PDB file of all heavy atoms in Angstrom:
ATOM      1  N   ASP A   1       6.507   3.085 -10.585  1.00  0.00           N
ATOM      2  CA  ASP A   1       7.317   2.039  -9.945  1.00  0.00           C
ATOM      3  C   ASP A   1       8.654   2.558  -9.445  1.00  0.00           C
ATOM      4  O   ASP A   1       9.121   2.174  -8.365  1.00  0.00           O
ATOM      5  CB  ASP A   1       7.545   0.875 -10.924  1.00  0.00           C
ATOM      6  CG  ASP A   1       6.273   0.083 -11.197  1.00  0.00           C
ATOM      7  OD1 ASP A   1       5.327   0.205 -10.392  1.00  0.00           O
ATOM      8  OD2 ASP A   1       6.234  -0.654 -12.197  1.00  0.00           O
ATOM      9  N   GLU A   2       9.279   3.433 -10.221  1.00  0.00           N
ATOM     10  CA  GLU A   2      10.581   3.960  -9.823  1.00  0.00           C
ATOM     11  C   GLU A   2      10.472   4.758  -8.518  1.00  0.00           C
ATOM     12  O   GLU A   2      11.309   4.631  -7.616  1.00  0.00           O
ATOM     13  CB  GLU A   2      11.140   4.854 -10.929  1.00  0.00           C
ATOM     14  CG  GLU A   2      12.524   5.408 -10.614  1.00  0.00           C
ATOM     15  CD  GLU A   2      13.076   6.271 -11.745  1.00  0.00           C
ATOM     16  OE1 GLU A   2      12.445   6.306 -12.817  1.00  0.00           O
ATOM     17  OE2 GLU A   2      14.125   6.915 -11.538  1.00  0.00           O
ATOM     18  N   LYS A   3       9.419   5.555  -8.409  1.00  0.00           N
ATOM     19  CA  LYS A   3       9.220   6.342  -7.192  1.00  0.00           C
ATOM     20  C   LYS A   3       8.876   5.441  -6.012  1.00  0.00           C
ATOM     21  O   LYS A   3       9.298   5.704  -4.883  1.00  0.00           O
ATOM     22  CB  LYS A   3       8.137   7.395  -7.412  1.00  0.00           C
ATOM     23  CG  LYS A   3       8.581   8.514  -8.351  1.00  0.00           C
ATOM     24  CD  LYS A   3       7.493   9.542  -8.576  1.00  0.00           C
ATOM     25  CE  LYS A   3       8.016  10.657  -9.482  1.00  0.00           C
ATOM     26  NZ  LYS A   3       6.981  11.696  -9.732  1.00  0.00           N
ATOM     27  N   HIS A   4       8.123   4.385  -6.270  1.00  0.00           N
ATOM     28  CA  HIS A   4       7.814   3.428  -5.196  1.00  0.00           C
ATOM     29  C   HIS A   4       9.085   2.759  -4.683  1.00  0.00           C
ATOM     30  O   HIS A   4       9.225   2.516  -3.478  1.00  0.00           O
ATOM     31  CB  HIS A   4       6.824   2.376  -5.700  1.00  0.00           C
ATOM     32  CG  HIS A   4       5.391   2.748  -5.476  1.00  0.00           C
ATOM     33  ND1 HIS A   4       4.836   2.863  -4.217  1.00  0.00           N
ATOM     34  CD2 HIS A   4       4.397   3.039  -6.352  1.00  0.00           C
ATOM     35  CE1 HIS A   4       3.564   3.198  -4.321  1.00  0.00           C
ATOM     36  NE2 HIS A   4       3.276   3.325  -5.605  1.00  0.00           N
ATOM     37  N   GLN A   5      10.021   2.440  -5.588  1.00  0.00           N
ATOM     38  CA  GLN A   5      11.282   1.828  -5.162  1.00  0.00           C
ATOM     39  C   GLN A   5      12.076   2.782  -4.271  1.00  0.00           C
ATOM     40  O   GLN A   5      12.642   2.371  -3.243  1.00  0.00           O
ATOM     41  CB  GLN A   5      12.106   1.436  -6.388  1.00  0.00           C
ATOM     42  CG  GLN A   5      11.532   0.258  -7.161  1.00  0.00           C
ATOM     43  CD  GLN A   5      12.340  -0.075  -8.403  1.00  0.00           C
ATOM     44  OE1 GLN A   5      13.378   0.533  -8.657  1.00  0.00           O
ATOM     45  NE2 GLN A   5      11.874  -1.030  -9.188  1.00  0.00           N
ATOM     46  N   THR A   6      12.115   4.049  -4.652  1.00  0.00           N
ATOM     47  CA  THR A   6      12.810   5.053  -3.832  1.00  0.00           C
ATOM     48  C   THR A   6      12.120   5.201  -2.485  1.00  0.00           C
ATOM     49  O   THR A   6      12.780   5.288  -1.438  1.00  0.00           O
ATOM     50  CB  THR A   6      12.847   6.405  -4.559  1.00  0.00           C
ATOM     51  OG1 THR A   6      13.469   6.252  -5.834  1.00  0.00           O
ATOM     52  CG2 THR A   6      13.608   7.440  -3.745  1.00  0.00           C
ATOM     53  N   LEU A   7      10.789   5.221  -2.505  1.00  0.00           N
ATOM     54  CA  LEU A   7      10.021   5.334  -1.261  1.00  0.00           C
ATOM     55  C   LEU A   7      10.298   4.147  -0.347  1.00  0.00           C
ATOM     56  O   LEU A   7      10.478   4.313   0.873  1.00  0.00           O
ATOM     57  CB  LEU A   7       8.525   5.421  -1.579  1.00  0.00           C
ATOM     58  CG  LEU A   7       7.569   5.392  -0.375  1.00  0.00           C
ATOM     59  CD1 LEU A   7       7.839   6.553   0.567  1.00  0.00           C
ATOM     60  CD2 LEU A   7       6.119   5.405  -0.849  1.00  0.00           C
ATOM     61  N   ASN A   8      10.340   2.945  -0.908  1.00  0.00           N
ATOM     62  CA  ASN A   8      10.595   1.755  -0.094  1.00  0.00           C
ATOM     63  C   ASN A   8      11.968   1.801   0.560  1.00  0.00           C
ATOM     64  O   ASN A   8      12.142   1.383   1.715  1.00  0.00           O
ATOM     65  CB  ASN A   8      10.452   0.493  -0.948  1.00  0.00           C
ATOM     66  CG  ASN A   8       9.007   0.192  -1.307  1.00  0.00           C
ATOM     67  OD1 ASN A   8       8.080   0.638  -0.628  1.00  0.00           O
ATOM     68  ND2 ASN A   8       8.798  -0.553  -2.383  1.00  0.00           N
ATOM     69  N   GLU A   9      12.969   2.309  -0.170  1.00  0.00           N
ATOM     70  CA  GLU A   9      14.308   2.456   0.402  1.00  0.00           C
ATOM     71  C   GLU A   9      14.286   3.478   1.540  1.00  0.00           C
ATOM     72  O   GLU A   9      14.917   3.269   2.586  1.00  0.00           O
ATOM     73  CB  GLU A   9      15.297   2.891  -0.685  1.00  0.00           C
ATOM     74  CG  GLU A   9      16.689   3.263  -0.166  1.00  0.00           C
ATOM     75  CD  GLU A   9      17.414   2.125   0.537  1.00  0.00           C
ATOM     76  OE1 GLU A   9      17.103   0.945   0.233  1.00  0.00           O
ATOM     77  OE2 GLU A   9      18.285   2.409   1.381  1.00  0.00           O
ATOM     78  N   MET A  10      13.554   4.562   1.361  1.00  0.00           N
ATOM     79  CA  MET A  10      13.439   5.563   2.413  1.00  0.00           C
ATOM     80  C   MET A  10      12.750   4.983   3.643  1.00  0.00           C
ATOM     81  O   MET A  10      13.196   5.189   4.784  1.00  0.00           O
ATOM     82  CB  MET A  10      12.649   6.775   1.901  1.00  0.00           C
ATOM     83  CG  MET A  10      12.403   7.840   2.965  1.00  0.00           C
ATOM     84  SD  MET A  10      11.361   9.176   2.369  1.00  0.00           S
ATOM     85  CE  MET A  10      12.526  10.009   1.307  1.00  0.00           C
ATOM     86  N   LEU A  11      11.668   4.235   3.451  1.00  0.00           N
ATOM     87  CA  LEU A  11      10.945   3.622   4.566  1.00  0.00           C
ATOM     88  C   LEU A  11      11.815   2.612   5.307  1.00  0.00           C
ATOM     89  O   LEU A  11      11.743   2.491   6.534  1.00  0.00           O
ATOM     90  CB  LEU A  11       9.667   2.944   4.063  1.00  0.00           C
ATOM     91  CG  LEU A  11       8.563   3.875   3.553  1.00  0.00           C
ATOM     92  CD1 LEU A  11       7.430   3.071   2.947  1.00  0.00           C
ATOM     93  CD2 LEU A  11       8.046   4.771   4.671  1.00  0.00           C
ATOM     94  N   PHE A  12      12.639   1.877   4.566  1.00  0.00           N
ATOM     95  CA  PHE A  12      13.575   0.931   5.170  1.00  0.00           C
ATOM     96  C   PHE A  12      14.530   1.658   6.112  1.00  0.00           C
ATOM     97  O   PHE A  12      14.785   1.226   7.236  1.00  0.00           O
ATOM     98  CB  PHE A  12      14.347   0.187   4.077  1.00  0.00           C
ATOM     99  CG  PHE A  12      15.473  -0.662   4.584  1.00  0.00           C
ATOM    100  CD1 PHE A  12      15.215  -1.870   5.220  1.00  0.00           C
ATOM    101  CD2 PHE A  12      16.792  -0.252   4.433  1.00  0.00           C
ATOM    102  CE1 PHE A  12      16.263  -2.658   5.697  1.00  0.00           C
ATOM    103  CE2 PHE A  12      17.837  -1.026   4.898  1.00  0.00           C
ATOM    104  CZ  PHE A  12      17.572  -2.234   5.537  1.00  0.00           C
ATOM    105  N   ARG A  13      15.034   2.791   5.671  1.00  0.00           N
ATOM    106  CA  ARG A  13      15.950   3.578   6.502  1.00  0.00           C
ATOM    107  C   ARG A  13      15.221   4.175   7.710  1.00  0.00           C
ATOM    108  O   ARG A  13      15.753   4.177   8.825  1.00  0.00           O
ATOM    109  CB  ARG A  13      16.590   4.694   5.667  1.00  0.00           C
ATOM    110  CG  ARG A  13      17.476   4.197   4.536  1.00  0.00           C
ATOM    111  CD  ARG A  13      18.251   5.358   3.926  1.00  0.00           C
ATOM    112  NE  ARG A  13      19.018   4.941   2.764  1.00  0.00           N
ATOM    113  CZ  ARG A  13      19.963   5.683   2.193  1.00  0.00           C
ATOM    114  NH1 ARG A  13      20.248   6.890   2.690  1.00  0.00           N
ATOM    115  NH2 ARG A  13      20.615   5.257   1.141  1.00  0.00           N
ATOM    116  N   PHE A  14      14.008   4.694   7.472  1.00  0.00           N
ATOM    117  CA  PHE A  14      13.232   5.251   8.580  1.00  0.00           C
ATOM    118  C   PHE A  14      12.968   4.191   9.645  1.00  0.00           C
ATOM    119  O   PHE A  14      13.036   4.462  10.846  1.00  0.00           O
ATOM    120  CB  PHE A  14      11.895   5.796   8.073  1.00  0.00           C
ATOM    121  CG  PHE A  14      11.991   7.098   7.333  1.00  0.00           C
ATOM    122  CD1 PHE A  14      10.850   7.677   6.778  1.00  0.00           C
ATOM    123  CD2 PHE A  14      13.196   7.761   7.195  1.00  0.00           C
ATOM    124  CE1 PHE A  14      10.920   8.886   6.106  1.00  0.00           C
ATOM    125  CE2 PHE A  14      13.279   8.972   6.506  1.00  0.00           C
ATOM    126  CZ  PHE A  14      12.133   9.530   5.956  1.00  0.00           C
ATOM    127  N   ASP A  15      12.655   2.974   9.196  1.00  0.00           N
ATOM    128  CA  ASP A  15      12.365   1.904  10.137  1.00  0.00           C
ATOM    129  C   ASP A  15      13.599   1.546  10.965  1.00  0.00           C
ATOM    130  O   ASP A  15      13.505   1.277  12.166  1.00  0.00           O
ATOM    131  CB  ASP A  15      11.861   0.664   9.380  1.00  0.00           C
ATOM    132  CG  ASP A  15      11.392  -0.430  10.321  1.00  0.00           C
ATOM    133  OD1 ASP A  15      10.464  -0.173  11.118  1.00  0.00           O
ATOM    134  OD2 ASP A  15      11.942  -1.541  10.271  1.00  0.00           O
ATOM    135  N   ALA A  16      14.765   1.556  10.319  1.00  0.00           N
ATOM    136  CA  ALA A  16      16.016   1.259  11.036  1.00  0.00           C
ATOM    137  C   ALA A  16      16.276   2.298  12.118  1.00  0.00           C
ATOM    138  O   ALA A  16      16.728   1.973  13.215  1.00  0.00           O
ATOM    139  CB  ALA A  16      17.178   1.205  10.052  1.00  0.00           C
ATOM    140  N   VAL A  17      15.975   3.557  11.812  1.00  0.00           N
ATOM    141  CA  VAL A  17      16.135   4.630  12.800  1.00  0.00           C
ATOM    142  C   VAL A  17      15.135   4.455  13.939  1.00  0.00           C
ATOM    143  O   VAL A  17      15.477   4.571  15.124  1.00  0.00           O
ATOM    144  CB  VAL A  17      15.950   6.009  12.128  1.00  0.00           C
ATOM    145  CG1 VAL A  17      15.906   7.118  13.180  1.00  0.00           C
ATOM    146  CG2 VAL A  17      17.066   6.272  11.131  1.00  0.00           C
ATOM    147  N   LYS A  18      13.886   4.155  13.578  1.00  0.00           N
ATOM    148  CA  LYS A  18      12.829   4.021  14.588  1.00  0.00           C
ATOM    149  C   LYS A  18      13.086   2.833  15.515  1.00  0.00           C
ATOM    150  O   LYS A  18      12.843   2.904  16.725  1.00  0.00           O
ATOM    151  CB  LYS A  18      11.475   3.865  13.896  1.00  0.00           C
ATOM    152  CG  LYS A  18      10.287   3.956  14.839  1.00  0.00           C
ATOM    153  CD  LYS A  18       8.972   3.957  14.069  1.00  0.00           C
ATOM    154  CE  LYS A  18       7.800   4.101  15.020  1.00  0.00           C
ATOM    155  NZ  LYS A  18       6.508   4.132  14.283  1.00  0.00           N
ATOM    156  N   GLN A  19      13.574   1.731  14.967  1.00  0.00           N
ATOM    157  CA  GLN A  19      13.847   0.546  15.777  1.00  0.00           C
ATOM    158  C   GLN A  19      14.925   0.813  16.829  1.00  0.00           C
ATOM    159  O   GLN A  19      14.937   0.179  17.892  1.00  0.00           O
ATOM    160  CB  GLN A  19      14.295  -0.618  14.876  1.00  0.00           C
ATOM    161  CG  GLN A  19      13.202  -1.176  13.991  1.00  0.00           C
ATOM    162  CD  GLN A  19      12.101  -1.872  14.770  1.00  0.00           C
ATOM    163  OE1 GLN A  19      12.280  -2.293  15.912  1.00  0.00           O
ATOM    164  NE2 GLN A  19      10.939  -1.995  14.151  1.00  0.00           N
ATOM    165  N   ALA A  20      15.814   1.749  16.526  1.00  0.00           N
ATOM    166  CA  ALA A  20      16.916   2.032  17.446  1.00  0.00           C
ATOM    167  C   ALA A  20      16.525   3.011  18.555  1.00  0.00           C
ATOM    168  O   ALA A  20      17.288   3.199  19.504  1.00  0.00           O
ATOM    169  CB  ALA A  20      18.103   2.598  16.666  1.00  0.00           C
ATOM    170  N   GLU A  21      15.347   3.618  18.454  1.00  0.00           N
ATOM    171  CA  GLU A  21      14.943   4.608  19.451  1.00  0.00           C
ATOM    172  C   GLU A  21      14.843   3.971  20.841  1.00  0.00           C
ATOM    173  O   GLU A  21      14.260   2.902  21.007  1.00  0.00           O
ATOM    174  CB  GLU A  21      13.589   5.217  19.078  1.00  0.00           C
ATOM    175  CG  GLU A  21      13.660   6.162  17.879  1.00  0.00           C
ATOM    176  CD  GLU A  21      12.299   6.716  17.518  1.00  0.00           C
ATOM    177  OE1 GLU A  21      11.292   6.296  18.146  1.00  0.00           O
ATOM    178  OE2 GLU A  21      12.228   7.554  16.606  1.00  0.00           O
ATOM    179  N   ASP A  22      15.404   4.667  21.817  1.00  0.00           N
ATOM    180  CA  ASP A  22      15.336   4.243  23.221  1.00  0.00           C
ATOM    181  C   ASP A  22      15.935   2.853  23.449  1.00  0.00           C
ATOM    182  O   ASP A  22      15.507   2.120  24.349  1.00  0.00           O
ATOM    183  CB  ASP A  22      13.885   4.266  23.729  1.00  0.00           C
ATOM    184  CG  ASP A  22      13.293   5.650  23.669  1.00  0.00           C
ATOM    185  OD1 ASP A  22      14.028   6.614  23.950  1.00  0.00           O
ATOM    186  OD2 ASP A  22      12.108   5.787  23.340  1.00  0.00           O
ATOM    187  N   LYS A  23      16.910   2.467  22.628  1.00  0.00           N
ATOM    188  CA  LYS A  23      17.584   1.184  22.793  1.00  0.00           C
ATOM    189  C   LYS A  23      19.052   1.420  23.166  1.00  0.00           C
ATOM    190  O   LYS A  23      19.670   2.375  22.720  1.00  0.00           O
ATOM    191  CB  LYS A  23      17.521   0.360  21.502  1.00  0.00           C
ATOM    192  CG  LYS A  23      16.114  -0.004  21.039  1.00  0.00           C
ATOM    193  CD  LYS A  23      15.475  -1.034  21.943  1.00  0.00           C
ATOM    194  CE  LYS A  23      14.238  -1.655  21.317  1.00  0.00           C
ATOM    195  NZ  LYS A  23      13.246  -0.698  20.833  1.00  0.00           N
ATOM    196  N   LYS A  24      19.599   0.535  23.991  1.00  0.00           N
ATOM    197  CA  LYS A  24      20.992   0.599  24.396  1.00  0.00           C
ATOM    198  C   LYS A  24      21.675  -0.733  24.112  1.00  0.00           C
ATOM    199  O   LYS A  24      21.079  -1.800  24.334  1.00  0.00           O
ATOM    200  CB  LYS A  24      21.105   0.913  25.898  1.00  0.00           C
ATOM    201  CG  LYS A  24      20.399   2.186  26.346  1.00  0.00           C
ATOM    202  CD  LYS A  24      21.057   3.425  25.766  1.00  0.00           C
ATOM    203  CE  LYS A  24      20.367   4.693  26.278  1.00  0.00           C
ATOM    204  NZ  LYS A  24      20.931   5.906  25.642  1.00  0.00           N
ATOM    205  N   TYR A  25      22.907  -0.646  23.610  1.00  0.00           N
ATOM    206  CA  TYR A  25      23.709  -1.858  23.403  1.00  0.00           C
ATOM    207  C   TYR A  25      24.558  -2.056  24.659  1.00  0.00           C
ATOM    208  O   TYR A  25      25.292  -1.155  25.070  1.00  0.00           O
ATOM    209  CB  TYR A  25      24.597  -1.709  22.174  1.00  0.00           C
ATOM    210  CG  TYR A  25      25.311  -2.984  21.796  1.00  0.00           C
ATOM    211  CD1 TYR A  25      24.604  -4.041  21.221  1.00  0.00           C
ATOM    212  CD2 TYR A  25      26.674  -3.143  22.010  1.00  0.00           C
ATOM    213  CE1 TYR A  25      25.250  -5.215  20.877  1.00  0.00           C
ATOM    214  CE2 TYR A  25      27.327  -4.312  21.667  1.00  0.00           C
ATOM    215  CZ  TYR A  25      26.600  -5.347  21.099  1.00  0.00           C
ATOM    216  OH  TYR A  25      27.235  -6.507  20.761  1.00  0.00           O
ATOM    217  N   VAL A  26      24.412  -3.221  25.278  1.00  0.00           N
ATOM    218  CA  VAL A  26      25.042  -3.473  26.578  1.00  0.00           C
ATOM    219  C   VAL A  26      26.011  -4.651  26.469  1.00  0.00           C
ATOM    220  O   VAL A  26      25.662  -5.715  25.948  1.00  0.00           O
ATOM    221  CB  VAL A  26      23.971  -3.780  27.652  1.00  0.00           C
ATOM    222  CG1 VAL A  26      24.626  -4.040  29.007  1.00  0.00           C
ATOM    223  CG2 VAL A  26      22.978  -2.632  27.751  1.00  0.00           C
ATOM    224  N   ARG A  27      27.225  -4.440  26.980  1.00  0.00           N
ATOM    225  CA  ARG A  27      28.232  -5.503  27.069  1.00  0.00           C
ATOM    226  C   ARG A  27      28.662  -5.637  28.520  1.00  0.00           C
ATOM    227  O   ARG A  27      28.813  -4.625  29.219  1.00  0.00           O
ATOM    228  CB  ARG A  27      29.440  -5.163  26.198  1.00  0.00           C
ATOM    229  CG  ARG A  27      29.172  -5.261  24.700  1.00  0.00           C
ATOM    230  CD  ARG A  27      30.291  -4.663  23.889  1.00  0.00           C
ATOM    231  NE  ARG A  27      30.207  -3.204  23.872  1.00  0.00           N
ATOM    232  CZ  ARG A  27      31.043  -2.418  23.201  1.00  0.00           C
ATOM    233  NH1 ARG A  27      32.033  -2.949  22.520  1.00  0.00           N
ATOM    234  NH2 ARG A  27      30.890  -1.101  23.225  1.00  0.00           N
ATOM    235  N   MET A  28      28.874  -6.861  28.950  1.00  0.00           N
ATOM    236  CA  MET A  28      29.259  -7.085  30.353  1.00  0.00           C
ATOM    237  C   MET A  28      30.075  -8.363  30.480  1.00  0.00           C
ATOM    238  O   MET A  28      29.988  -9.265  29.625  1.00  0.00           O
ATOM    239  CB  MET A  28      28.002  -7.187  31.219  1.00  0.00           C
ATOM    240  CG  MET A  28      27.224  -8.488  31.024  1.00  0.00           C
ATOM    241  SD  MET A  28      25.521  -8.405  31.589  1.00  0.00           S
ATOM    242  CE  MET A  28      24.742  -7.617  30.164  1.00  0.00           C
ATOM    243  N   ASN A  29      30.849  -8.431  31.533  1.00  0.00           N
ATOM    244  CA  ASN A  29      31.522  -9.671  31.896  1.00  0.00           C
ATOM    245  C   ASN A  29      30.651 -10.394  32.911  1.00  0.00           C
ATOM    246  O   ASN A  29      30.185  -9.794  33.890  1.00  0.00           O
ATOM    247  CB  ASN A  29      32.904  -9.382  32.496  1.00  0.00           C
ATOM    248  CG  ASN A  29      33.849  -8.803  31.463  1.00  0.00           C
ATOM    249  OD1 ASN A  29      33.712  -9.057  30.267  1.00  0.00           O
ATOM    250  ND2 ASN A  29      34.809  -8.015  31.918  1.00  0.00           N
TER     251      ASN A  29
END
């Protein structure tokens, strides 16, 4: 269970990185 918890935290971070791929934050008037 302890290793699964660490793995889940790692996957959460990987997903955050993957979601940001090829994305741009745009601001405009």
